[in-house]
Amino acid sequence: MGRLTYQEYLPKGKEKQLKQEFAIEFGKHVRKVRKEQGLTQEELAFKTSLHSTYIGHIETGTYTPSIFVVWKIAEVLKMNLCDFLKGF
C-alpha cells in the first residue's frame, strides 16, 4: 500500500475504510520496529505497562492506540515520538 492521504469531506464509508487501513499500516510499523529492537510482544507490553493482547491488537490493526500509548511505545523502543511517527 502507498502512503495514506486524508481528504476533506470523505463519505462515511470511505472514512471508515481509511481508518481501518491506517490502523493496519500503523500496526505493521509497530511490529517492524519492535522486532528490529529484538523485543517480543510480551516484553513490549511489560515495559509499557500494557497487556500483551493489547499490543497484539495494535499490531493487527484491531485497535488504534491513543497518542499517549503511541508515545509510551516509542519511548520503550528508544525513539522520540516524532522519529517513530516519521518512520510510519
N, C-alpha and C. Protein backbone atom coordinates (compact mmCIF):
# COMPACT_ATOMS: atom_id res chain seq x y z
N MET A 1 0.85 -1.19 0.00
CA MET A 1 0.00 0.00 0.00
C MET A 1 0.88 1.23 0.00
N GLY A 2 0.46 2.24 -0.73
CA GLY A 2 1.18 3.51 -0.76
C GLY A 2 0.86 4.33 0.47
N ARG A 3 1.40 5.50 0.51
CA ARG A 3 1.16 6.40 1.63
C ARG A 3 -0.32 6.77 1.70
N LEU A 4 -0.88 6.71 2.90
CA LEU A 4 -2.28 7.07 3.11
C LEU A 4 -2.40 8.59 3.08
N THR A 5 -3.43 9.07 2.45
CA THR A 5 -3.67 10.51 2.43
C THR A 5 -5.11 10.78 2.86
N TYR A 6 -5.26 11.83 3.61
CA TYR A 6 -6.58 12.22 4.08
C TYR A 6 -7.17 13.25 3.14
N GLN A 7 -8.45 13.10 2.87
CA GLN A 7 -9.17 14.06 2.03
C GLN A 7 -10.33 14.61 2.84
N GLU A 8 -10.52 15.90 2.75
CA GLU A 8 -11.63 16.51 3.45
C GLU A 8 -12.96 16.01 2.91
N TYR A 9 -13.95 15.93 3.78
CA TYR A 9 -15.32 15.58 3.41
C TYR A 9 -15.44 14.21 2.76
N LEU A 10 -14.82 13.23 3.38
CA LEU A 10 -14.94 11.87 2.89
C LEU A 10 -16.33 11.32 3.22
N PRO A 11 -16.90 10.54 2.33
CA PRO A 11 -18.15 9.85 2.68
C PRO A 11 -17.90 8.95 3.89
N LYS A 12 -18.90 8.71 4.71
CA LYS A 12 -18.74 7.96 5.94
C LYS A 12 -18.10 6.59 5.71
N GLY A 13 -18.52 5.86 4.72
CA GLY A 13 -17.95 4.54 4.44
C GLY A 13 -16.49 4.62 4.06
N LYS A 14 -16.12 5.64 3.30
CA LYS A 14 -14.73 5.82 2.87
C LYS A 14 -13.84 6.18 4.07
N GLU A 15 -14.37 7.01 4.97
CA GLU A 15 -13.60 7.38 6.15
C GLU A 15 -13.35 6.16 7.03
N LYS A 16 -14.35 5.31 7.19
CA LYS A 16 -14.19 4.09 7.98
C LYS A 16 -13.13 3.19 7.36
N GLN A 17 -13.15 3.07 6.04
CA GLN A 17 -12.16 2.25 5.34
C GLN A 17 -10.76 2.83 5.53
N LEU A 18 -10.62 4.15 5.42
CA LEU A 18 -9.33 4.80 5.60
C LEU A 18 -8.81 4.58 7.03
N LYS A 19 -9.71 4.67 8.02
CA LYS A 19 -9.31 4.45 9.41
C LYS A 19 -8.81 3.02 9.60
N GLN A 20 -9.48 2.05 8.98
CA GLN A 20 -9.04 0.65 9.09
C GLN A 20 -7.68 0.46 8.43
N GLU A 21 -7.49 1.05 7.26
CA GLU A 21 -6.21 0.94 6.57
C GLU A 21 -5.09 1.58 7.39
N PHE A 22 -5.39 2.72 8.00
CA PHE A 22 -4.42 3.41 8.85
C PHE A 22 -4.01 2.53 10.02
N ALA A 23 -5.00 1.93 10.69
CA ALA A 23 -4.72 1.09 11.85
C ALA A 23 -3.86 -0.11 11.47
N ILE A 24 -4.14 -0.71 10.33
CA ILE A 24 -3.36 -1.87 9.87
C ILE A 24 -1.93 -1.46 9.56
N GLU A 25 -1.75 -0.37 8.83
CA GLU A 25 -0.41 0.07 8.48
C GLU A 25 0.38 0.52 9.71
N PHE A 26 -0.30 1.19 10.64
CA PHE A 26 0.39 1.59 11.86
C PHE A 26 0.82 0.36 12.66
N GLY A 27 -0.05 -0.62 12.74
CA GLY A 27 0.27 -1.86 13.44
C GLY A 27 1.47 -2.56 12.84
N LYS A 28 1.54 -2.58 11.51
CA LYS A 28 2.71 -3.18 10.83
C LYS A 28 3.98 -2.43 11.21
N HIS A 29 3.88 -1.14 11.32
CA HIS A 29 5.04 -0.31 11.69
C HIS A 29 5.49 -0.65 13.12
N VAL A 30 4.55 -0.74 14.04
CA VAL A 30 4.89 -1.07 15.42
C VAL A 30 5.59 -2.43 15.47
N ARG A 31 5.02 -3.41 14.77
CA ARG A 31 5.60 -4.76 14.77
C ARG A 31 7.03 -4.74 14.20
N LYS A 32 7.21 -4.03 13.09
CA LYS A 32 8.52 -3.96 12.43
C LYS A 32 9.57 -3.37 13.38
N VAL A 33 9.26 -2.24 13.99
CA VAL A 33 10.22 -1.58 14.88
C VAL A 33 10.46 -2.43 16.13
N ARG A 34 9.40 -3.03 16.65
CA ARG A 34 9.55 -3.89 17.83
C ARG A 34 10.51 -5.04 17.53
N LYS A 35 10.32 -5.68 16.39
CA LYS A 35 11.18 -6.81 16.03
C LYS A 35 12.61 -6.35 15.76
N GLU A 36 12.77 -5.18 15.16
CA GLU A 36 14.12 -4.63 14.94
C GLU A 36 14.84 -4.42 16.27
N GLN A 37 14.08 -4.08 17.31
CA GLN A 37 14.65 -3.86 18.64
C GLN A 37 14.84 -5.18 19.39
N GLY A 38 14.39 -6.28 18.79
CA GLY A 38 14.57 -7.59 19.41
C GLY A 38 13.64 -7.87 20.58
N LEU A 39 12.47 -7.21 20.58
CA LEU A 39 11.52 -7.39 21.67
C LEU A 39 10.36 -8.28 21.23
N THR A 40 9.84 -9.06 22.17
CA THR A 40 8.60 -9.80 21.93
C THR A 40 7.43 -8.89 22.28
N GLN A 41 6.24 -9.31 21.90
CA GLN A 41 5.05 -8.55 22.29
C GLN A 41 4.94 -8.48 23.81
N GLU A 42 5.26 -9.58 24.47
CA GLU A 42 5.17 -9.63 25.93
C GLU A 42 6.16 -8.67 26.58
N GLU A 43 7.37 -8.59 26.04
CA GLU A 43 8.36 -7.66 26.59
C GLU A 43 7.94 -6.21 26.38
N LEU A 44 7.44 -5.90 25.19
CA LEU A 44 6.96 -4.54 24.93
C LEU A 44 5.79 -4.21 25.85
N ALA A 45 4.90 -5.15 26.00
CA ALA A 45 3.74 -4.94 26.89
C ALA A 45 4.20 -4.66 28.32
N PHE A 46 5.12 -5.47 28.82
CA PHE A 46 5.62 -5.29 30.18
C PHE A 46 6.26 -3.92 30.36
N LYS A 47 7.10 -3.54 29.41
CA LYS A 47 7.82 -2.27 29.53
C LYS A 47 6.92 -1.05 29.37
N THR A 48 5.78 -1.21 28.71
CA THR A 48 4.84 -0.10 28.53
C THR A 48 3.68 -0.16 29.53
N SER A 49 3.67 -1.18 30.38
CA SER A 49 2.58 -1.40 31.34
C SER A 49 1.24 -1.60 30.62
N LEU A 50 1.30 -2.25 29.47
CA LEU A 50 0.10 -2.59 28.72
C LEU A 50 -0.03 -4.11 28.69
N HIS A 51 -1.20 -4.60 28.34
CA HIS A 51 -1.40 -6.04 28.25
C HIS A 51 -0.88 -6.53 26.90
N SER A 52 -0.31 -7.72 26.89
CA SER A 52 0.26 -8.24 25.63
C SER A 52 -0.80 -8.42 24.55
N THR A 53 -2.04 -8.73 24.94
CA THR A 53 -3.08 -8.86 23.91
C THR A 53 -3.40 -7.50 23.29
N TYR A 54 -3.26 -6.43 24.08
CA TYR A 54 -3.48 -5.09 23.55
C TYR A 54 -2.41 -4.75 22.51
N ILE A 55 -1.16 -5.11 22.79
CA ILE A 55 -0.08 -4.91 21.81
C ILE A 55 -0.40 -5.69 20.55
N GLY A 56 -0.85 -6.93 20.71
CA GLY A 56 -1.23 -7.75 19.56
C GLY A 56 -2.35 -7.11 18.75
N HIS A 57 -3.33 -6.55 19.43
CA HIS A 57 -4.43 -5.89 18.74
C HIS A 57 -3.96 -4.63 17.99
N ILE A 58 -3.01 -3.91 18.57
CA ILE A 58 -2.44 -2.75 17.87
C ILE A 58 -1.73 -3.22 16.61
N GLU A 59 -0.93 -4.27 16.74
CA GLU A 59 -0.12 -4.74 15.61
C GLU A 59 -0.97 -5.33 14.49
N THR A 60 -2.14 -5.83 14.80
CA THR A 60 -3.01 -6.37 13.75
C THR A 60 -3.99 -5.33 13.20
N GLY A 61 -3.98 -4.15 13.81
CA GLY A 61 -4.87 -3.09 13.34
C GLY A 61 -6.28 -3.18 13.91
N THR A 62 -6.47 -4.04 14.90
CA THR A 62 -7.79 -4.17 15.53
C THR A 62 -8.10 -2.94 16.38
N TYR A 63 -7.07 -2.43 17.08
CA TYR A 63 -7.21 -1.24 17.91
C TYR A 63 -6.30 -0.14 17.39
N THR A 64 -6.76 1.09 17.55
CA THR A 64 -5.95 2.26 17.26
C THR A 64 -5.61 2.92 18.59
N PRO A 65 -4.34 2.94 18.97
CA PRO A 65 -3.98 3.45 20.30
C PRO A 65 -4.07 4.98 20.38
N SER A 66 -4.20 5.45 21.61
CA SER A 66 -4.17 6.89 21.85
C SER A 66 -2.75 7.41 21.62
N ILE A 67 -2.62 8.70 21.50
CA ILE A 67 -1.30 9.29 21.30
C ILE A 67 -0.41 9.03 22.51
N PHE A 68 -0.99 8.95 23.70
CA PHE A 68 -0.21 8.64 24.91
C PHE A 68 0.38 7.23 24.82
N VAL A 69 -0.41 6.27 24.37
CA VAL A 69 0.09 4.90 24.22
C VAL A 69 1.16 4.85 23.14
N VAL A 70 0.97 5.58 22.05
CA VAL A 70 1.98 5.62 20.99
C VAL A 70 3.29 6.20 21.56
N TRP A 71 3.19 7.24 22.37
CA TRP A 71 4.37 7.82 22.99
C TRP A 71 5.08 6.81 23.89
N LYS A 72 4.31 6.06 24.70
CA LYS A 72 4.91 5.05 25.57
C LYS A 72 5.64 3.98 24.75
N ILE A 73 5.04 3.55 23.68
CA ILE A 73 5.67 2.55 22.81
C ILE A 73 6.96 3.10 22.23
N ALA A 74 6.91 4.33 21.71
CA ALA A 74 8.10 4.96 21.13
C ALA A 74 9.21 5.07 22.16
N GLU A 75 8.89 5.46 23.37
CA GLU A 75 9.89 5.60 24.43
C GLU A 75 10.56 4.26 24.73
N VAL A 76 9.76 3.21 24.85
CA VAL A 76 10.32 1.88 25.13
C VAL A 76 11.20 1.42 23.97
N LEU A 77 10.83 1.80 22.75
CA LEU A 77 11.62 1.43 21.58
C LEU A 77 12.80 2.38 21.37
N LYS A 78 13.04 3.24 22.34
CA LYS A 78 14.18 4.18 22.35
C LYS A 78 14.16 5.14 21.16
N MET A 79 12.96 5.63 20.86
CA MET A 79 12.79 6.59 19.77
C MET A 79 11.97 7.75 20.30
N ASN A 80 12.27 8.95 19.81
CA ASN A 80 11.36 10.03 20.19
C ASN A 80 10.12 9.90 19.32
N LEU A 81 9.04 10.47 19.78
CA LEU A 81 7.75 10.30 19.13
C LEU A 81 7.77 10.74 17.67
N CYS A 82 8.40 11.87 17.39
CA CYS A 82 8.45 12.38 16.01
C CYS A 82 9.16 11.40 15.07
N ASP A 83 10.30 10.90 15.51
CA ASP A 83 11.04 9.96 14.68
C ASP A 83 10.28 8.67 14.48
N PHE A 84 9.61 8.21 15.53
CA PHE A 84 8.81 6.99 15.44
C PHE A 84 7.69 7.15 14.41
N LEU A 85 7.02 8.30 14.44
CA LEU A 85 5.91 8.53 13.51
C LEU A 85 6.41 8.84 12.10
N LYS A 86 7.59 9.44 11.97
CA LYS A 86 8.14 9.70 10.63
C LYS A 86 8.40 8.39 9.89
N GLY A 87 8.81 7.38 10.62
CA GLY A 87 9.08 6.09 10.03
C GLY A 87 7.82 5.40 9.52
N PHE A 88 6.69 5.86 10.00
CA PHE A 88 5.41 5.29 9.61
C PHE A 88 4.98 5.95 8.32
